[in-house]
């Protein structure tokens, strides 16, 4: 199976610009289903405008949310009610994580901006024993399976964009979509190989809308 022709891709880009919706937020409920009902402390890496961090805070005593973009962090702070137990910080994902262990770590559409295996190692070291890491990431299409999922996602993407923008005179671009972006350069196979080396026992799956998911639970120490 071959990639979509460039003219089709350009047409899809024009359609998406006219009917925008947040592909990452689409998976927030799935992410929450991978997590415990309650946990003490969570970390959201690459928090953007803070949508997921605010949802994590419903179950948490404390949420640390970091992003390297000061503009989007400022916007996240503005959007978050003062009583919400979330602390937003401008920080580097490799060196700026607040020093403590976390019961939950999430990372949405951010890992492809970072050195892959190094970042997974950092996340793993900050995760408490028994804690859960959930990643929603982007990968570069390469295989027939990738292009098949992309072909299935294209019409679903259009229908979803139409439904989410129904009744609006002008397209409404979600605040969460104003963060800095870049294309992914790793294939799913490369991601899977690197993740399994860095985090033995990790679970990965291709997803619709040009995404993949990664879930890892840090084992308890032997004899614990």
Protein backbone atom coordinates (compact mmCIF):
# COMPACT_ATOMS: atom_id res chain seq x y z
CA UNK A 1 0.00 0.00 0.00
CA UNK A 2 1.34 3.44 -0.95
CA UNK A 3 1.00 6.81 0.81
CA UNK A 4 -1.87 9.13 -0.07
CA UNK A 5 -1.13 11.37 -3.07
CA UNK A 6 0.12 14.83 -2.17
CA UNK A 7 -2.98 16.48 -3.66
CA UNK A 8 -5.18 14.41 -1.35
CA UNK A 9 -3.01 15.31 1.65
CA UNK A 10 -3.25 19.01 0.77
CA UNK A 11 -7.03 18.71 0.46
CA UNK A 12 -7.22 17.05 3.88
CA UNK A 13 -5.05 19.79 5.39
CA UNK A 14 -7.38 22.45 3.99
CA UNK A 15 -10.41 20.61 5.32
CA UNK A 16 -8.85 20.21 8.78
CA UNK A 17 -8.02 23.92 8.89
CA UNK A 18 -11.66 24.71 8.16
CA UNK A 19 -13.00 22.14 10.66
CA UNK A 20 -10.35 21.91 13.43
CA UNK A 21 -10.52 19.52 16.36
CA UNK A 22 -7.99 18.23 18.88
CA UNK A 23 -6.85 14.70 18.02
CA UNK A 24 -4.95 14.41 21.30
CA UNK A 25 -7.90 15.38 23.51
CA UNK A 26 -9.86 12.64 21.75
CA UNK A 27 -7.76 10.14 23.71
CA UNK A 28 -7.97 11.79 27.15
CA UNK A 29 -10.77 9.53 28.34
CA UNK A 30 -8.83 6.48 27.19
CA UNK A 31 -5.77 7.71 29.10
CA UNK A 32 -7.81 8.13 32.27
CA UNK A 33 -9.12 4.57 31.96
CA UNK A 34 -5.51 3.29 32.22
CA UNK A 35 -5.06 5.01 35.60
CA UNK A 36 -6.16 4.24 39.16
CA UNK A 37 -9.34 5.81 40.50
CA UNK A 38 -7.26 7.80 42.99
CA UNK A 39 -3.55 8.61 43.24
CA UNK A 40 -1.42 10.97 45.26
CA UNK A 41 0.76 12.76 42.72
CA UNK A 42 0.74 12.93 38.93
CA UNK A 43 3.08 14.49 36.39
CA UNK A 44 1.94 15.68 32.96
CA UNK A 45 4.89 16.21 30.60
CA UNK A 46 4.27 18.62 27.72
CA UNK A 47 1.07 19.85 29.36
CA UNK A 48 0.18 22.44 26.70
CA UNK A 49 -2.91 24.39 27.70
CA UNK A 50 -3.50 22.05 30.64
CA UNK A 51 -6.61 20.16 29.54
CA UNK A 52 -5.32 16.73 30.60
CA UNK A 53 -3.64 18.07 33.76
CA UNK A 54 -6.98 19.47 34.94
CA UNK A 55 -8.63 16.10 34.32
CA UNK A 56 -5.86 14.30 36.21
CA UNK A 57 -6.39 16.68 39.14
CA UNK A 58 -9.92 15.36 39.70
CA UNK A 59 -8.37 12.11 40.97
CA UNK A 60 -5.11 13.42 42.43
CA UNK A 61 -3.94 15.15 45.57
CA UNK A 62 -1.38 17.04 43.46
CA UNK A 63 -0.49 17.41 39.78
CA UNK A 64 2.77 18.81 38.43
CA UNK A 65 2.41 19.96 34.81
CA UNK A 66 5.45 21.03 32.79
CA UNK A 67 6.02 22.43 29.32
CA UNK A 68 8.98 24.15 27.68
CA UNK A 69 6.79 26.83 26.05
CA UNK A 70 6.25 29.77 28.44
CA UNK A 71 3.38 31.17 26.36
CA UNK A 72 1.29 28.01 26.52
CA UNK A 73 2.11 27.54 30.23
CA UNK A 74 0.86 31.06 30.93
CA UNK A 75 -2.32 30.24 29.03
CA UNK A 76 -2.75 27.01 31.01
CA UNK A 77 -2.47 28.96 34.27
CA UNK A 78 -5.12 31.42 33.09
CA UNK A 79 -7.51 28.61 32.15
CA UNK A 80 -7.14 26.76 35.46
CA UNK A 81 -9.33 27.68 38.49
CA UNK A 82 -7.20 28.63 41.53
CA UNK A 83 -8.62 25.79 43.65
CA UNK A 84 -7.42 23.13 41.17
CA UNK A 85 -4.41 21.22 42.61
CA UNK A 86 -2.21 21.72 39.54
CA UNK A 87 1.15 23.48 39.46
CA UNK A 88 2.20 24.61 35.98
CA UNK A 89 5.93 25.10 35.42
CA UNK A 90 8.06 26.10 32.45
CA UNK A 91 10.62 23.30 32.43
CA UNK A 92 12.65 20.98 30.25
CA UNK A 93 11.24 17.45 30.15
CA UNK A 94 14.67 15.85 30.63
CA UNK A 95 16.21 18.08 33.29
CA UNK A 96 13.38 20.12 34.80
CA UNK A 97 11.01 17.55 36.30
CA UNK A 98 10.37 18.41 39.97
CA UNK A 99 12.45 16.01 42.06
CA UNK A 100 10.12 13.41 43.54
CA UNK A 101 8.41 10.18 42.50
CA UNK A 102 5.01 10.10 40.81
CA UNK A 103 2.18 7.59 40.88
CA UNK A 104 1.14 8.64 37.38
CA UNK A 105 3.09 10.18 34.49
CA UNK A 106 1.41 11.20 31.25
CA UNK A 107 2.99 12.49 28.07
CA UNK A 108 0.78 13.50 25.14
CA UNK A 109 2.16 14.40 21.69
CA UNK A 110 5.48 15.43 23.23
CA UNK A 111 7.81 12.43 23.10
CA UNK A 112 8.68 12.98 19.42
CA UNK A 113 10.17 16.36 20.42
CA UNK A 114 12.63 14.60 22.77
CA UNK A 115 15.51 12.09 22.60
CA UNK A 116 13.29 9.02 22.70
CA UNK A 117 15.04 6.41 24.86
CA UNK A 118 16.62 9.05 27.12
CA UNK A 119 13.21 10.57 27.81
CA UNK A 120 11.65 7.18 28.59
CA UNK A 121 14.50 6.48 30.99
CA UNK A 122 13.91 9.78 32.78
CA UNK A 123 10.17 9.10 33.05
CA UNK A 124 10.81 5.59 34.33
CA UNK A 125 13.16 6.82 37.05
CA UNK A 126 10.59 9.37 38.25
CA UNK A 127 7.79 6.82 38.42
CA UNK A 128 7.01 5.31 41.82
CA UNK A 129 7.00 1.50 42.15
CA UNK A 130 3.61 0.33 40.92
CA UNK A 131 3.09 3.66 39.15
CA UNK A 132 1.75 4.04 35.62
CA UNK A 133 3.25 5.80 32.60
CA UNK A 134 0.91 6.55 29.69
CA UNK A 135 2.17 8.06 26.44
CA UNK A 136 0.13 9.18 23.46
CA UNK A 137 2.57 9.73 20.64
CA UNK A 138 3.06 10.34 16.94
CA UNK A 139 5.03 8.13 14.57
CA UNK A 140 6.12 8.28 10.95
CA UNK A 141 4.11 6.10 8.57
CA UNK A 142 6.15 3.38 6.89
CA UNK A 143 4.31 0.05 6.68
CA UNK A 144 1.14 -1.10 4.97
CA UNK A 145 -0.55 -1.20 8.38
CA UNK A 146 0.36 2.46 8.95
CA UNK A 147 -1.09 3.54 5.61
CA UNK A 148 -4.18 1.38 6.09
CA UNK A 149 -4.90 3.05 9.45
CA UNK A 150 -4.27 6.44 7.84
CA UNK A 151 -6.71 5.63 5.06
CA UNK A 152 -9.36 4.59 7.59
CA UNK A 153 -8.70 7.66 9.74
CA UNK A 154 -9.05 10.19 6.91
CA UNK A 155 -12.85 9.94 6.44
CA UNK A 156 -13.42 9.52 10.20
CA UNK A 157 -11.34 12.63 10.78
CA UNK A 158 -13.53 14.57 8.34
CA UNK A 159 -16.78 13.38 9.92
CA UNK A 160 -15.51 14.19 13.43
CA UNK A 161 -14.42 17.67 12.33
CA UNK A 162 -17.85 18.33 10.83
CA UNK A 163 -19.65 17.14 13.97
CA UNK A 164 -17.47 19.09 16.39
CA UNK A 165 -17.85 22.29 14.37
CA UNK A 166 -21.55 21.86 13.62
CA UNK A 167 -23.50 25.09 13.91
CA UNK A 168 -20.43 27.35 13.99
CA UNK A 169 -20.12 30.13 11.43
CA UNK A 170 -16.33 30.26 11.78
CA UNK A 171 -13.89 27.46 12.64
CA UNK A 172 -13.02 27.39 16.33
CA UNK A 173 -9.43 26.27 16.86
CA UNK A 174 -9.03 24.78 20.37
CA UNK A 175 -6.50 26.52 22.62
CA UNK A 176 -4.75 23.17 23.01
CA UNK A 177 -3.89 23.26 19.29
CA UNK A 178 -1.85 26.47 19.56
CA UNK A 179 1.20 24.73 21.07
CA UNK A 180 4.38 24.26 19.04
CA UNK A 181 4.38 21.18 16.79
CA UNK A 182 6.79 19.19 14.62
CA UNK A 183 6.42 16.02 12.53
CA UNK A 184 7.45 12.67 13.95
CA UNK A 185 10.62 11.10 12.55
CA UNK A 186 10.51 7.62 14.16
CA UNK A 187 8.48 4.74 12.76
CA UNK A 188 6.26 2.62 14.99
CA UNK A 189 8.71 -0.29 14.72
CA UNK A 190 11.58 1.94 15.88
CA UNK A 191 9.47 3.26 18.74
CA UNK A 192 8.47 -0.24 19.82
CA UNK A 193 12.07 -1.50 19.77
CA UNK A 194 13.37 1.49 21.73
CA UNK A 195 10.53 1.38 24.26
CA UNK A 196 10.94 -2.34 24.95
CA UNK A 197 14.65 -1.85 25.55
CA UNK A 198 14.12 1.11 27.90
CA UNK A 199 11.01 -0.21 29.69
CA UNK A 200 10.75 -4.02 29.72
CA UNK A 201 7.12 -5.12 29.76
CA UNK A 202 5.82 -1.97 28.05
CA UNK A 203 2.63 -2.26 25.97
CA UNK A 204 2.29 -0.39 22.66
CA UNK A 205 -0.49 -0.14 20.11
CA UNK A 206 -1.12 1.74 16.86
CA UNK A 207 -4.15 4.03 17.05
CA UNK A 208 -6.43 5.94 14.72
CA UNK A 209 -5.78 9.58 13.86
CA UNK A 210 -2.04 9.05 13.36
CA UNK A 211 -1.26 8.18 16.96
CA UNK A 212 0.11 5.31 19.04
CA UNK A 213 -0.20 4.55 22.75
CA UNK A 214 2.37 3.28 25.23
CA UNK A 215 1.56 2.03 28.74
CA UNK A 216 4.10 0.88 31.32
CA UNK A 217 3.69 0.05 34.98
CA UNK A 218 6.85 0.15 37.04
CA UNK A 219 7.32 -3.15 38.87
CA UNK A 220 7.58 -3.27 42.62
CA UNK A 221 10.98 -4.23 43.98
CA UNK A 222 11.53 -7.95 44.47
CA UNK A 223 10.13 -9.06 47.79
CA UNK A 224 7.92 -5.94 48.14
